[in-house]
Amino acid sequence: MKGCMFGFALVAMSILVVADTVGQEKGKPRAQSASGVVSKIDGTSLSITQSGGDKGGERSTVFAIGAQTKILIQTNEDNIVKGEGGNERKVPKTKEGNIADVKLDQRVTVGYAEAGKADSVLVLRPTPPRKKEGEK
């Protein structure tokens, strides 16, 4: 009976610790991302145009960029990484860049925790054109 009570107390303490940890994280803004095409850029801001998908239409989002904003650029080389179950997949290599490396009409993914303030910008490499039927 004592072992059962000890086990119950241990489980109860674990739940309290986890609940406290989750409660502390609620105060922090959740990391988010937005993907689109660069429509305007200057030294302090980046505007991207996002397509509406099934909803139709486009919307533009402006992000402030500063010295703390990390700029990453995908290269044409790939890394092979192991995923779940030991399956291998190709992931584009990235290199660090600066805001001058970001150009109009490039596809980007902007990471942010606070609305309108970019924490990171990932410049995506161009997608190769799809091959038509019958082409090798």
C-alpha atoms as a PDB file:
ATOM      1  CA  MET A   1       0.000   0.000   0.000  1.00  0.00           C
ATOM      2  CA  LYS A   2       2.876   2.392   0.812  1.00  0.00           C
ATOM      3  CA  GLY A   3       4.401   1.677  -2.622  1.00  0.00           C
ATOM      4  CA  CYS A   4       1.124   2.548  -4.299  1.00  0.00           C
ATOM      5  CA  MET A   5       0.832   5.835  -2.377  1.00  0.00           C
ATOM      6  CA  PHE A   6       4.459   6.691  -3.191  1.00  0.00           C
ATOM      7  CA  GLY A   7       3.806   6.011  -6.886  1.00  0.00           C
ATOM      8  CA  PHE A   8       0.678   8.165  -6.832  1.00  0.00           C
ATOM      9  CA  ALA A   9       2.565  11.003  -5.136  1.00  0.00           C
ATOM     10  CA  LEU A  10       5.357  10.747  -7.699  1.00  0.00           C
ATOM     11  CA  VAL A  11       2.883  10.938 -10.597  1.00  0.00           C
ATOM     12  CA  ALA A  12       1.113  13.916  -8.990  1.00  0.00           C
ATOM     13  CA  MET A  13       4.414  15.768  -8.556  1.00  0.00           C
ATOM     14  CA  SER A  14       5.355  15.062 -12.175  1.00  0.00           C
ATOM     15  CA  ILE A  15       2.054  16.508 -13.393  1.00  0.00           C
ATOM     16  CA  LEU A  16       2.579  19.656 -11.319  1.00  0.00           C
ATOM     17  CA  VAL A  17       6.099  20.159 -12.648  1.00  0.00           C
ATOM     18  CA  VAL A  18       4.967  19.726 -16.268  1.00  0.00           C
ATOM     19  CA  ALA A  19       1.972  22.042 -15.744  1.00  0.00           C
ATOM     20  CA  ASP A  20       4.257  24.706 -14.256  1.00  0.00           C
ATOM     21  CA  THR A  21       6.681  24.426 -17.188  1.00  0.00           C
ATOM     22  CA  VAL A  22       3.873  24.749 -19.745  1.00  0.00           C
ATOM     23  CA  GLY A  23       2.490  27.727 -17.827  1.00  0.00           C
ATOM     24  CA  GLN A  24       5.829  29.523 -17.995  1.00  0.00           C
ATOM     25  CA  GLU A  25       6.076  29.010 -21.749  1.00  0.00           C
ATOM     26  CA  LYS A  26       2.666  30.619 -22.313  1.00  0.00           C
ATOM     27  CA  GLY A  27       4.224  34.019 -21.674  1.00  0.00           C
ATOM     28  CA  LYS A  28       6.637  33.585 -24.565  1.00  0.00           C
ATOM     29  CA  PRO A  29       5.416  34.283 -28.092  1.00  0.00           C
ATOM     30  CA  ARG A  30       5.200  31.162 -30.228  1.00  0.00           C
ATOM     31  CA  ALA A  31       7.593  30.919 -33.179  1.00  0.00           C
ATOM     32  CA  GLN A  32       5.819  31.233 -36.528  1.00  0.00           C
ATOM     33  CA  SER A  33       6.778  31.436 -40.178  1.00  0.00           C
ATOM     34  CA  ALA A  34       5.474  32.956 -43.385  1.00  0.00           C
ATOM     35  CA  SER A  35       6.490  31.980 -46.912  1.00  0.00           C
ATOM     36  CA  GLY A  36       6.168  34.039 -50.032  1.00  0.00           C
ATOM     37  CA  VAL A  37       7.920  35.993 -52.764  1.00  0.00           C
ATOM     38  CA  VAL A  38       9.949  39.114 -52.000  1.00  0.00           C
ATOM     39  CA  SER A  39       7.999  42.078 -53.387  1.00  0.00           C
ATOM     40  CA  LYS A  40       9.915  44.954 -51.776  1.00  0.00           C
ATOM     41  CA  ILE A  41      13.118  45.263 -49.791  1.00  0.00           C
ATOM     42  CA  ASP A  42      15.143  48.041 -48.239  1.00  0.00           C
ATOM     43  CA  GLY A  43      17.671  48.267 -45.435  1.00  0.00           C
ATOM     44  CA  THR A  44      15.110  48.045 -42.631  1.00  0.00           C
ATOM     45  CA  SER A  45      12.139  46.086 -43.989  1.00  0.00           C
ATOM     46  CA  LEU A  46      11.153  43.180 -46.205  1.00  0.00           C
ATOM     47  CA  SER A  47       7.749  42.773 -47.879  1.00  0.00           C
ATOM     48  CA  ILE A  48       6.605  39.372 -49.076  1.00  0.00           C
ATOM     49  CA  THR A  49       3.579  38.504 -51.166  1.00  0.00           C
ATOM     50  CA  GLN A  50       1.755  35.353 -50.165  1.00  0.00           C
ATOM     51  CA  SER A  51      -0.723  33.587 -52.428  1.00  0.00           C
ATOM     52  CA  GLY A  52      -4.126  32.816 -50.956  1.00  0.00           C
ATOM     53  CA  GLY A  53      -4.079  29.176 -52.105  1.00  0.00           C
ATOM     54  CA  ASP A  54      -7.595  27.738 -52.285  1.00  0.00           C
ATOM     55  CA  LYS A  55      -9.035  30.961 -50.868  1.00  0.00           C
ATOM     56  CA  GLY A  56      -7.702  32.950 -53.806  1.00  0.00           C
ATOM     57  CA  GLY A  57      -6.142  36.385 -53.779  1.00  0.00           C
ATOM     58  CA  GLU A  58      -2.799  37.552 -52.516  1.00  0.00           C
ATOM     59  CA  ARG A  59      -1.716  39.367 -49.399  1.00  0.00           C
ATOM     60  CA  SER A  60       1.389  41.309 -48.604  1.00  0.00           C
ATOM     61  CA  THR A  61       3.180  41.159 -45.258  1.00  0.00           C
ATOM     62  CA  VAL A  62       5.893  43.564 -44.098  1.00  0.00           C
ATOM     63  CA  PHE A  63       8.625  42.499 -41.677  1.00  0.00           C
ATOM     64  CA  ALA A  64      11.150  44.730 -39.924  1.00  0.00           C
ATOM     65  CA  ILE A  65      14.736  43.593 -40.415  1.00  0.00           C
ATOM     66  CA  GLY A  66      17.615  44.470 -38.115  1.00  0.00           C
ATOM     67  CA  ALA A  67      21.124  43.421 -37.188  1.00  0.00           C
ATOM     68  CA  GLN A  68      19.711  40.524 -35.132  1.00  0.00           C
ATOM     69  CA  THR A  69      17.882  39.060 -38.180  1.00  0.00           C
ATOM     70  CA  LYS A  70      19.650  35.918 -39.379  1.00  0.00           C
ATOM     71  CA  ILE A  71      19.821  35.516 -43.176  1.00  0.00           C
ATOM     72  CA  LEU A  72      20.303  31.982 -44.552  1.00  0.00           C
ATOM     73  CA  ILE A  73      20.580  31.080 -48.230  1.00  0.00           C
ATOM     74  CA  GLN A  74      19.985  27.621 -49.647  1.00  0.00           C
ATOM     75  CA  THR A  75      22.757  26.393 -51.949  1.00  0.00           C
ATOM     76  CA  ASN A  76      22.521  23.979 -54.876  1.00  0.00           C
ATOM     77  CA  GLU A  77      24.167  21.249 -52.794  1.00  0.00           C
ATOM     78  CA  ASP A  78      22.296  18.759 -50.609  1.00  0.00           C
ATOM     79  CA  ASN A  79      22.959  17.165 -47.230  1.00  0.00           C
ATOM     80  CA  ILE A  80      21.721  13.640 -46.672  1.00  0.00           C
ATOM     81  CA  VAL A  81      20.113  13.276 -43.254  1.00  0.00           C
ATOM     82  CA  LYS A  82      18.587  10.291 -41.543  1.00  0.00           C
ATOM     83  CA  GLY A  83      15.005  10.646 -40.457  1.00  0.00           C
ATOM     84  CA  GLU A  84      12.679   8.476 -38.459  1.00  0.00           C
ATOM     85  CA  GLY A  85      13.082   4.775 -39.096  1.00  0.00           C
ATOM     86  CA  GLY A  86      16.553   5.309 -40.571  1.00  0.00           C
ATOM     87  CA  ASN A  87      15.176   6.653 -43.875  1.00  0.00           C
ATOM     88  CA  GLU A  88      17.516   9.032 -45.661  1.00  0.00           C
ATOM     89  CA  ARG A  89      16.397  12.219 -47.349  1.00  0.00           C
ATOM     90  CA  LYS A  90      18.045  15.163 -49.049  1.00  0.00           C
ATOM     91  CA  VAL A  91      17.992  18.570 -47.384  1.00  0.00           C
ATOM     92  CA  PRO A  92      19.430  21.682 -49.069  1.00  0.00           C
ATOM     93  CA  LYS A  93      22.654  23.027 -47.562  1.00  0.00           C
ATOM     94  CA  THR A  94      22.520  26.613 -46.334  1.00  0.00           C
ATOM     95  CA  LYS A  95      25.063  29.354 -45.936  1.00  0.00           C
ATOM     96  CA  GLU A  96      24.893  32.576 -43.961  1.00  0.00           C
ATOM     97  CA  GLY A  97      24.304  35.747 -45.882  1.00  0.00           C
ATOM     98  CA  ASN A  98      23.241  39.332 -45.334  1.00  0.00           C
ATOM     99  CA  ILE A  99      20.283  41.451 -46.366  1.00  0.00           C
ATOM    100  CA  ALA A 100      22.074  42.550 -49.548  1.00  0.00           C
ATOM    101  CA  ASP A 101      21.883  38.913 -50.746  1.00  0.00           C
ATOM    102  CA  VAL A 102      18.066  38.980 -50.734  1.00  0.00           C
ATOM    103  CA  LYS A 103      16.643  40.028 -54.126  1.00  0.00           C
ATOM    104  CA  LEU A 104      13.206  40.828 -55.510  1.00  0.00           C
ATOM    105  CA  ASP A 105      11.084  37.870 -56.716  1.00  0.00           C
ATOM    106  CA  GLN A 106      13.016  35.311 -54.624  1.00  0.00           C
ATOM    107  CA  ARG A 107      11.024  32.780 -52.611  1.00  0.00           C
ATOM    108  CA  VAL A 108      11.666  33.152 -48.879  1.00  0.00           C
ATOM    109  CA  THR A 109      10.473  31.821 -45.550  1.00  0.00           C
ATOM    110  CA  VAL A 110      10.481  34.372 -42.736  1.00  0.00           C
ATOM    111  CA  GLY A 111      10.640  33.152 -39.134  1.00  0.00           C
ATOM    112  CA  TYR A 112       9.204  35.417 -36.456  1.00  0.00           C
ATOM    113  CA  ALA A 113       7.967  35.316 -32.877  1.00  0.00           C
ATOM    114  CA  GLU A 114       6.644  38.860 -32.742  1.00  0.00           C
ATOM    115  CA  ALA A 115       4.314  40.007 -35.548  1.00  0.00           C
ATOM    116  CA  GLY A 116       6.066  42.225 -38.057  1.00  0.00           C
ATOM    117  CA  LYS A 117       9.597  41.559 -36.776  1.00  0.00           C
ATOM    118  CA  ALA A 118      11.727  39.012 -38.668  1.00  0.00           C
ATOM    119  CA  ASP A 119      13.989  36.775 -36.596  1.00  0.00           C
ATOM    120  CA  SER A 120      15.271  34.858 -39.634  1.00  0.00           C
ATOM    121  CA  VAL A 121      14.959  34.892 -43.414  1.00  0.00           C
ATOM    122  CA  LEU A 122      15.617  31.722 -45.405  1.00  0.00           C
ATOM    123  CA  VAL A 123      16.142  32.362 -49.120  1.00  0.00           C
ATOM    124  CA  LEU A 124      14.924  29.257 -50.933  1.00  0.00           C
ATOM    125  CA  ARG A 125      16.772  27.994 -53.972  1.00  0.00           C
ATOM    126  CA  PRO A 126      14.870  28.148 -57.255  1.00  0.00           C
ATOM    127  CA  THR A 127      12.828  25.075 -58.025  1.00  0.00           C
ATOM    128  CA  PRO A 128      13.912  23.292 -61.199  1.00  0.00           C
ATOM    129  CA  PRO A 129      11.320  23.317 -63.994  1.00  0.00           C
ATOM    130  CA  ARG A 130       9.120  20.245 -64.131  1.00  0.00           C
ATOM    131  CA  LYS A 131       9.752  17.844 -66.941  1.00  0.00           C
ATOM    132  CA  LYS A 132       6.937  17.347 -69.402  1.00  0.00           C
ATOM    133  CA  GLU A 133       5.546  13.939 -70.147  1.00  0.00           C
ATOM    134  CA  GLY A 134       7.887  11.880 -72.280  1.00  0.00           C
ATOM    135  CA  GLU A 135      11.004  13.882 -71.324  1.00  0.00           C
ATOM    136  CA  LYS A 136      13.890  12.245 -69.503  1.00  0.00           C
END
